[in-house]
Amino acid sequence: MKDEIVREKLKEIDNKNDSVQDIVEKTINNLLVCLGDDPEREGLIGTPNRVYRMYKEVFEGMDYSNHEIACMFNKCFEDVETGDLVTVTNIPIFSYCEHHIALMYNMKVHVGYIPRGKVIGLSKVARIADMCAKRLQLQERIGMDISDVLREVLGTDDIIVVIEGEHSCMTARGIKSRGSVTRTASIRGRFEFDSDLRSEFYNLTR
């Protein structure tokens, strides 16, 4: 599409008066035009608004810091006198890579920790993982974010977070290496130097 034709179809953004929603919807409209499509055709009418609402949902975690997420899901059971390994495995999440805003999918999170006087409600581990993933992310950073939140909630450094997933920026474009799985581990406290403890965790996640 010629540049002059594209410019005729673009919606002007008013930086002073447009709301954030207006700016996002106009930006999506303009992106569709620049891609060579017609935002006014039947299938695309309403798409800018749908994309805005989807972004609000899938990037919800960007509205909160790790500290705020810790406060939101700080549901613990106190006076738990155990030093045994606690694991929560196969937590499903999805995220978007910050390099291409492409989907990271078929993701599973495995969490382990050694309690220090309290344990967290199991569903809250899944909620923390979900919220940390709802950002423009790197898989490595998701693990670190989950570890940071759990450390604040639980008051222990003995935490391990393993994530596995597929990245559409690698499987659907570029090298198109379909079926490739990326695995990352955020390892802290006793898990760093205690190989037997790490092995116990990995055995429990298989």
Protein backbone atom coordinates (compact mmCIF):
# COMPACT_ATOMS: atom_id res chain seq x y z
CA MET A 1 0.00 0.00 0.00
CA LYS A 2 1.35 3.39 -0.95
CA ASP A 3 2.32 5.70 1.88
CA GLU A 4 -0.09 8.47 0.83
CA ILE A 5 -3.04 6.06 0.82
CA VAL A 6 -2.05 4.79 4.25
CA ARG A 7 -1.83 8.30 5.67
CA GLU A 8 -5.34 9.11 4.44
CA LYS A 9 -6.77 6.25 6.48
CA LEU A 10 -4.87 6.84 9.72
CA LYS A 11 -6.65 8.14 12.80
CA GLU A 12 -4.99 11.13 14.43
CA ILE A 13 -4.05 10.74 18.07
CA ASP A 14 -4.68 13.69 20.38
CA ASN A 15 -2.02 13.34 23.08
CA LYS A 16 -3.69 15.95 25.29
CA ASN A 17 -7.32 14.92 25.17
CA ASP A 18 -7.49 11.25 24.20
CA SER A 19 -7.84 8.70 26.98
CA VAL A 20 -5.47 5.75 27.19
CA GLN A 21 -8.23 3.60 25.71
CA ASP A 22 -8.66 6.04 22.82
CA ILE A 23 -4.92 6.00 22.12
CA VAL A 24 -4.71 2.20 22.17
CA GLU A 25 -7.75 1.77 19.92
CA LYS A 26 -6.52 4.36 17.43
CA THR A 27 -3.07 2.75 17.45
CA ILE A 28 -4.53 -0.68 16.67
CA ASN A 29 -6.66 0.87 13.94
CA ASN A 30 -3.57 2.50 12.43
CA LEU A 31 -1.59 -0.72 12.71
CA LEU A 32 -4.27 -2.56 10.74
CA VAL A 33 -4.13 0.13 8.06
CA CYS A 34 -0.33 -0.06 7.87
CA LEU A 35 -0.53 -3.84 7.52
CA GLY A 36 -2.68 -3.29 4.45
CA ASP A 37 -6.08 -4.20 5.87
CA ASP A 38 -9.30 -2.23 6.22
CA PRO A 39 -10.43 -1.62 9.83
CA GLU A 40 -13.90 -0.83 8.49
CA ARG A 41 -14.51 -4.24 6.94
CA GLU A 42 -16.97 -6.50 8.74
CA GLY A 43 -14.46 -8.82 10.39
CA LEU A 44 -12.38 -5.98 11.83
CA ILE A 45 -15.11 -3.64 13.04
CA GLY A 46 -14.70 -3.55 16.82
CA THR A 47 -11.27 -5.19 16.73
CA PRO A 48 -9.42 -2.17 18.20
CA ASN A 49 -11.76 -2.22 21.21
CA ARG A 50 -11.46 -5.99 21.59
CA VAL A 51 -7.67 -5.74 21.49
CA TYR A 52 -7.74 -3.00 24.13
CA ARG A 53 -9.88 -5.14 26.44
CA MET A 54 -7.67 -8.18 25.81
CA TYR A 55 -4.54 -6.18 26.65
CA LYS A 56 -6.13 -5.02 29.91
CA GLU A 57 -6.66 -8.67 30.82
CA VAL A 58 -3.45 -10.35 29.64
CA PHE A 59 -1.17 -7.55 30.88
CA GLU A 60 -2.90 -7.05 34.24
CA GLY A 61 0.33 -7.80 36.10
CA MET A 62 1.89 -4.62 34.72
CA ASP A 63 -0.43 -2.63 36.98
CA TYR A 64 1.25 -4.02 40.10
CA SER A 65 4.75 -4.24 41.53
CA ASN A 66 6.05 -7.49 43.01
CA HIS A 67 5.51 -5.97 46.46
CA GLU A 68 1.87 -5.22 45.64
CA ILE A 69 1.36 -8.75 44.32
CA ALA A 70 2.83 -10.08 47.58
CA CYS A 71 0.36 -7.98 49.55
CA MET A 72 -2.56 -9.14 47.39
CA PHE A 73 -1.89 -12.85 47.91
CA ASN A 74 -0.36 -12.89 51.39
CA LYS A 75 -2.56 -15.68 52.74
CA CYS A 76 -0.40 -17.82 55.00
CA PHE A 77 -0.91 -20.32 57.79
CA GLU A 78 1.28 -19.37 60.75
CA ASP A 79 3.07 -21.47 63.38
CA VAL A 80 3.72 -24.35 61.00
CA GLU A 81 6.67 -26.17 62.55
CA THR A 82 8.09 -28.05 59.61
CA GLY A 83 11.23 -27.83 57.57
CA ASP A 84 9.99 -30.27 54.97
CA LEU A 85 9.98 -29.46 51.28
CA VAL A 86 6.69 -28.07 49.94
CA THR A 87 6.05 -28.27 46.19
CA VAL A 88 3.31 -26.97 43.91
CA THR A 89 3.73 -28.25 40.37
CA ASN A 90 2.25 -28.03 36.90
CA ILE A 91 0.81 -24.54 37.35
CA PRO A 92 -0.36 -23.43 33.87
CA ILE A 93 0.46 -19.87 32.81
CA PHE A 94 0.98 -17.88 29.62
CA SER A 95 2.88 -14.70 28.93
CA TYR A 96 4.15 -12.47 26.14
CA CYS A 97 7.81 -11.97 25.31
CA GLU A 98 9.02 -8.40 25.49
CA HIS A 99 11.04 -8.66 22.27
CA HIS A 100 8.19 -9.39 19.84
CA ILE A 101 5.06 -9.21 22.06
CA ALA A 102 4.64 -12.84 20.97
CA LEU A 103 2.85 -15.49 23.01
CA MET A 104 4.72 -17.82 25.35
CA TYR A 105 2.48 -20.86 25.68
CA ASN A 106 2.21 -24.44 26.99
CA MET A 107 3.94 -23.04 30.06
CA LYS A 108 4.09 -24.84 33.39
CA VAL A 109 5.51 -23.54 36.65
CA HIS A 110 6.91 -25.78 39.38
CA VAL A 111 7.54 -24.20 42.78
CA GLY A 112 9.32 -25.57 45.82
CA TYR A 113 10.21 -24.00 49.16
CA ILE A 114 11.28 -24.83 52.70
CA PRO A 115 8.88 -23.22 55.21
CA ARG A 116 10.19 -20.95 57.91
CA GLY A 117 7.33 -20.97 60.42
CA LYS A 118 4.51 -20.56 57.90
CA VAL A 119 3.14 -21.91 54.64
CA ILE A 120 1.20 -20.12 51.92
CA GLY A 121 -2.25 -21.19 50.73
CA LEU A 122 -1.68 -23.42 47.71
CA SER A 123 -4.04 -21.53 45.41
CA LYS A 124 -2.14 -18.34 46.16
CA VAL A 125 1.03 -19.82 44.62
CA ALA A 126 -0.88 -20.28 41.37
CA ARG A 127 -2.29 -16.75 41.56
CA ILE A 128 1.18 -15.28 42.14
CA ALA A 129 2.56 -17.19 39.15
CA ASP A 130 -0.35 -16.07 36.98
CA MET A 131 -0.01 -12.41 37.92
CA CYS A 132 3.77 -12.33 37.47
CA ALA A 133 3.33 -13.80 33.99
CA LYS A 134 0.78 -11.18 32.91
CA ARG A 135 3.47 -8.73 31.85
CA LEU A 136 5.78 -8.23 28.92
CA GLN A 137 8.30 -10.77 30.11
CA LEU A 138 11.31 -12.97 29.73
CA GLN A 139 10.80 -16.53 30.92
CA GLU A 140 13.85 -16.15 33.16
CA ARG A 141 12.37 -13.03 34.76
CA ILE A 142 9.03 -14.69 35.44
CA GLY A 143 10.85 -17.20 37.65
CA MET A 144 12.74 -14.44 39.43
CA ASP A 145 9.54 -12.42 39.98
CA ILE A 146 7.72 -15.42 41.43
CA SER A 147 10.70 -16.10 43.70
CA ASP A 148 10.79 -12.45 44.86
CA VAL A 149 7.08 -12.45 45.72
CA LEU A 150 7.26 -15.77 47.57
CA ARG A 151 10.32 -14.63 49.50
CA GLU A 152 8.45 -11.55 50.73
CA VAL A 153 5.33 -13.53 51.64
CA LEU A 154 7.04 -16.52 53.25
CA GLY A 155 10.11 -14.90 54.78
CA THR A 156 12.41 -17.63 53.46
CA ASP A 157 15.22 -17.63 50.92
CA ASP A 158 14.90 -21.38 50.31
CA ILE A 159 12.90 -21.21 47.08
CA ILE A 160 13.13 -22.84 43.67
CA VAL A 161 10.99 -21.97 40.64
CA VAL A 162 11.28 -24.01 37.45
CA ILE A 163 9.42 -22.99 34.30
CA GLU A 164 9.04 -24.76 31.00
CA GLY A 165 7.32 -23.39 27.94
CA GLU A 166 7.21 -22.78 24.21
CA HIS A 167 7.80 -19.41 22.58
CA SER A 168 5.92 -18.45 19.43
CA CYS A 169 8.65 -15.93 18.58
CA MET A 170 10.78 -19.03 17.99
CA THR A 171 8.22 -21.62 16.86
CA ALA A 172 6.03 -19.49 14.55
CA ARG A 173 8.60 -17.12 13.04
CA GLY A 174 12.33 -16.91 12.45
CA ILE A 175 13.81 -20.40 12.73
CA LYS A 176 10.30 -21.89 13.22
CA SER A 177 11.65 -24.56 15.54
CA ARG A 178 8.33 -26.15 16.41
CA GLY A 179 8.23 -28.25 19.55
CA SER A 180 11.25 -26.56 21.13
CA VAL A 181 10.81 -26.24 24.89
CA THR A 182 12.65 -23.69 27.04
CA ARG A 183 13.33 -24.59 30.67
CA THR A 184 14.56 -22.12 33.26
CA ALA A 185 15.22 -22.32 36.98
CA SER A 186 15.37 -19.60 39.64
CA ILE A 187 17.29 -21.20 42.52
CA ARG A 188 17.82 -19.57 45.91
CA GLY A 189 18.90 -20.35 49.44
CA ARG A 190 19.52 -24.00 50.30
CA PHE A 191 18.53 -25.08 46.80
CA GLU A 192 21.68 -23.40 45.45
CA PHE A 193 24.17 -25.57 47.30
CA ASP A 194 22.18 -28.61 48.48
CA SER A 195 22.20 -30.96 45.48
CA ASP A 196 20.19 -33.61 47.36
CA LEU A 197 17.42 -31.09 48.04
CA ARG A 198 17.40 -30.02 44.39
CA SER A 199 17.23 -33.66 43.30
CA GLU A 200 14.31 -34.28 45.67
CA PHE A 201 12.48 -31.33 44.13
CA TYR A 202 13.16 -32.43 40.56
CA ASN A 203 12.03 -35.96 41.37
CA LEU A 204 8.76 -34.63 42.78
CA THR A 205 8.09 -32.54 39.66
CA ARG A 206 8.52 -35.41 37.22
